[in-house]
Amino acid sequence: MMALFLLLVLVAVVLGIIGVAAHGLGYLLAIGIVIFVADLLFFGARLSRRARRRPVR
């Protein structure tokens, strides 16, 4: 799962760099930002689900 998280972060960064560097491709920057935010939300939800399963001592 961590590999998928890192891959999506890498894709978002590459799309963001291409979107900033190339004129007229600003939509790639927007797509990169959306992917990055969705990836962070997914990772945060996964961490919170995992934390609930631990028994209280």
N, C-alpha and C. Protein backbone atom coordinates (compact mmCIF):
# COMPACT_ATOMS: atom_id res chain seq x y z
N MET A 1 0.82 -1.19 0.00
CA MET A 1 0.00 0.00 0.00
C MET A 1 0.86 1.26 0.00
N MET A 2 1.99 1.18 0.71
CA MET A 2 2.87 2.34 0.75
C MET A 2 3.46 2.63 -0.63
N ALA A 3 3.70 1.58 -1.42
CA ALA A 3 4.22 1.77 -2.76
C ALA A 3 3.21 2.52 -3.64
N LEU A 4 1.94 2.20 -3.50
CA LEU A 4 0.90 2.91 -4.25
C LEU A 4 0.83 4.37 -3.85
N PHE A 5 0.93 4.64 -2.56
CA PHE A 5 0.93 6.02 -2.06
C PHE A 5 2.09 6.80 -2.67
N LEU A 6 3.28 6.23 -2.63
CA LEU A 6 4.46 6.93 -3.15
C LEU A 6 4.38 7.10 -4.67
N LEU A 7 3.83 6.11 -5.37
CA LEU A 7 3.67 6.23 -6.81
C LEU A 7 2.71 7.36 -7.17
N LEU A 8 1.61 7.46 -6.45
CA LEU A 8 0.65 8.54 -6.73
C LEU A 8 1.22 9.91 -6.39
N VAL A 9 2.02 10.00 -5.34
CA VAL A 9 2.67 11.27 -5.02
C VAL A 9 3.65 11.65 -6.12
N LEU A 10 4.40 10.68 -6.62
CA LEU A 10 5.34 10.93 -7.71
C LEU A 10 4.62 11.39 -8.97
N VAL A 11 3.51 10.74 -9.31
CA VAL A 11 2.72 11.13 -10.49
C VAL A 11 2.19 12.55 -10.32
N ALA A 12 1.72 12.88 -9.13
CA ALA A 12 1.18 14.23 -8.89
C ALA A 12 2.28 15.28 -9.03
N VAL A 13 3.47 14.99 -8.53
CA VAL A 13 4.58 15.95 -8.64
C VAL A 13 5.00 16.13 -10.10
N VAL A 14 5.10 15.04 -10.84
CA VAL A 14 5.49 15.13 -12.25
C VAL A 14 4.45 15.92 -13.05
N LEU A 15 3.18 15.64 -12.83
CA LEU A 15 2.13 16.39 -13.54
C LEU A 15 2.18 17.87 -13.16
N GLY A 16 2.44 18.16 -11.90
CA GLY A 16 2.54 19.55 -11.46
C GLY A 16 3.70 20.27 -12.12
N ILE A 17 4.85 19.61 -12.20
CA ILE A 17 6.02 20.24 -12.84
C ILE A 17 5.78 20.48 -14.31
N ILE A 18 5.20 19.50 -15.00
CA ILE A 18 4.90 19.67 -16.42
C ILE A 18 3.87 20.78 -16.61
N GLY A 19 2.87 20.83 -15.74
CA GLY A 19 1.83 21.86 -15.85
C GLY A 19 2.37 23.26 -15.64
N VAL A 20 3.36 23.40 -14.77
CA VAL A 20 3.96 24.72 -14.53
C VAL A 20 4.92 25.09 -15.65
N ALA A 21 5.71 24.13 -16.11
CA ALA A 21 6.77 24.41 -17.08
C ALA A 21 6.23 24.66 -18.49
N ALA A 22 5.21 23.94 -18.90
CA ALA A 22 4.70 24.07 -20.26
C ALA A 22 3.54 25.06 -20.28
N HIS A 23 3.63 26.01 -21.16
CA HIS A 23 2.56 27.00 -21.29
C HIS A 23 1.34 26.36 -21.94
N GLY A 24 0.18 26.63 -21.38
CA GLY A 24 -1.05 26.09 -21.93
C GLY A 24 -1.43 24.73 -21.36
N LEU A 25 -0.62 24.20 -20.44
CA LEU A 25 -0.94 22.90 -19.85
C LEU A 25 -1.21 23.05 -18.35
N GLY A 26 -1.85 24.13 -18.00
CA GLY A 26 -2.18 24.37 -16.60
C GLY A 26 -3.15 23.35 -16.03
N TYR A 27 -3.91 22.71 -16.90
CA TYR A 27 -4.83 21.68 -16.42
C TYR A 27 -4.07 20.50 -15.83
N LEU A 28 -2.84 20.25 -16.28
CA LEU A 28 -2.03 19.18 -15.69
C LEU A 28 -1.66 19.52 -14.25
N LEU A 29 -1.40 20.79 -13.99
CA LEU A 29 -1.13 21.22 -12.62
C LEU A 29 -2.35 20.97 -11.75
N ALA A 30 -3.54 21.30 -12.26
CA ALA A 30 -4.77 21.09 -11.49
C ALA A 30 -5.01 19.60 -11.25
N ILE A 31 -4.77 18.77 -12.25
CA ILE A 31 -4.92 17.32 -12.08
C ILE A 31 -3.93 16.80 -11.06
N GLY A 32 -2.69 17.28 -11.10
CA GLY A 32 -1.68 16.87 -10.14
C GLY A 32 -2.07 17.23 -8.71
N ILE A 33 -2.63 18.41 -8.53
CA ILE A 33 -3.07 18.84 -7.19
C ILE A 33 -4.22 17.97 -6.70
N VAL A 34 -5.17 17.68 -7.59
CA VAL A 34 -6.31 16.84 -7.21
C VAL A 34 -5.84 15.43 -6.83
N ILE A 35 -4.92 14.87 -7.60
CA ILE A 35 -4.40 13.53 -7.29
C ILE A 35 -3.68 13.55 -5.95
N PHE A 36 -2.89 14.58 -5.69
CA PHE A 36 -2.15 14.67 -4.44
C PHE A 36 -3.09 14.77 -3.24
N VAL A 37 -4.10 15.60 -3.33
CA VAL A 37 -5.06 15.76 -2.23
C VAL A 37 -5.84 14.47 -2.00
N ALA A 38 -6.28 13.83 -3.09
CA ALA A 38 -7.01 12.57 -2.96
C ALA A 38 -6.13 11.49 -2.34
N ASP A 39 -4.86 11.48 -2.71
CA ASP A 39 -3.93 10.50 -2.16
C ASP A 39 -3.72 10.73 -0.66
N LEU A 40 -3.60 11.96 -0.24
CA LEU A 40 -3.44 12.26 1.18
C LEU A 40 -4.69 11.88 1.97
N LEU A 41 -5.87 12.14 1.41
CA LEU A 41 -7.10 11.77 2.09
C LEU A 41 -7.23 10.26 2.22
N PHE A 42 -6.89 9.54 1.16
CA PHE A 42 -6.95 8.09 1.19
C PHE A 42 -5.98 7.52 2.22
N PHE A 43 -4.76 8.05 2.25
CA PHE A 43 -3.75 7.58 3.19
C PHE A 43 -4.16 7.90 4.62
N GLY A 44 -4.72 9.08 4.85
CA GLY A 44 -5.18 9.44 6.19
C GLY A 44 -6.33 8.57 6.66
N ALA A 45 -7.25 8.26 5.77
CA ALA A 45 -8.37 7.38 6.12
C ALA A 45 -7.88 5.98 6.43
N ARG A 46 -6.92 5.52 5.71
CA ARG A 46 -6.36 4.18 5.95
C ARG A 46 -5.65 4.13 7.30
N LEU A 47 -4.92 5.19 7.64
CA LEU A 47 -4.23 5.23 8.94
C LEU A 47 -5.23 5.27 10.09
N SER A 48 -6.31 6.02 9.93
CA SER A 48 -7.27 6.13 11.01
C SER A 48 -8.02 4.81 11.21
N ARG A 49 -8.29 4.08 10.13
CA ARG A 49 -8.93 2.77 10.26
C ARG A 49 -8.02 1.78 10.96
N ARG A 50 -6.75 1.84 10.66
CA ARG A 50 -5.80 0.91 11.26
C ARG A 50 -5.62 1.21 12.74
N ALA A 51 -5.70 2.46 13.13
CA ALA A 51 -5.51 2.84 14.53
C ALA A 51 -6.67 2.35 15.40
N ARG A 52 -7.85 2.23 14.87
CA ARG A 52 -9.02 1.82 15.65
C ARG A 52 -9.00 0.33 16.01
N ARG A 53 -8.30 -0.48 15.26
CA ARG A 53 -8.31 -1.93 15.48
C ARG A 53 -7.48 -2.35 16.69
N ARG A 54 -6.59 -1.50 17.16
CA ARG A 54 -5.74 -1.87 18.28
C ARG A 54 -6.55 -1.92 19.57
N PRO A 55 -6.33 -2.94 20.36
CA PRO A 55 -7.08 -3.03 21.63
C PRO A 55 -6.57 -2.01 22.65
N VAL A 56 -7.48 -1.53 23.49
CA VAL A 56 -7.14 -0.56 24.52
C VAL A 56 -6.59 -1.32 25.73
N ARG A 57 -5.49 -0.84 26.27
CA ARG A 57 -4.88 -1.52 27.43
C ARG A 57 -5.10 -0.74 28.69
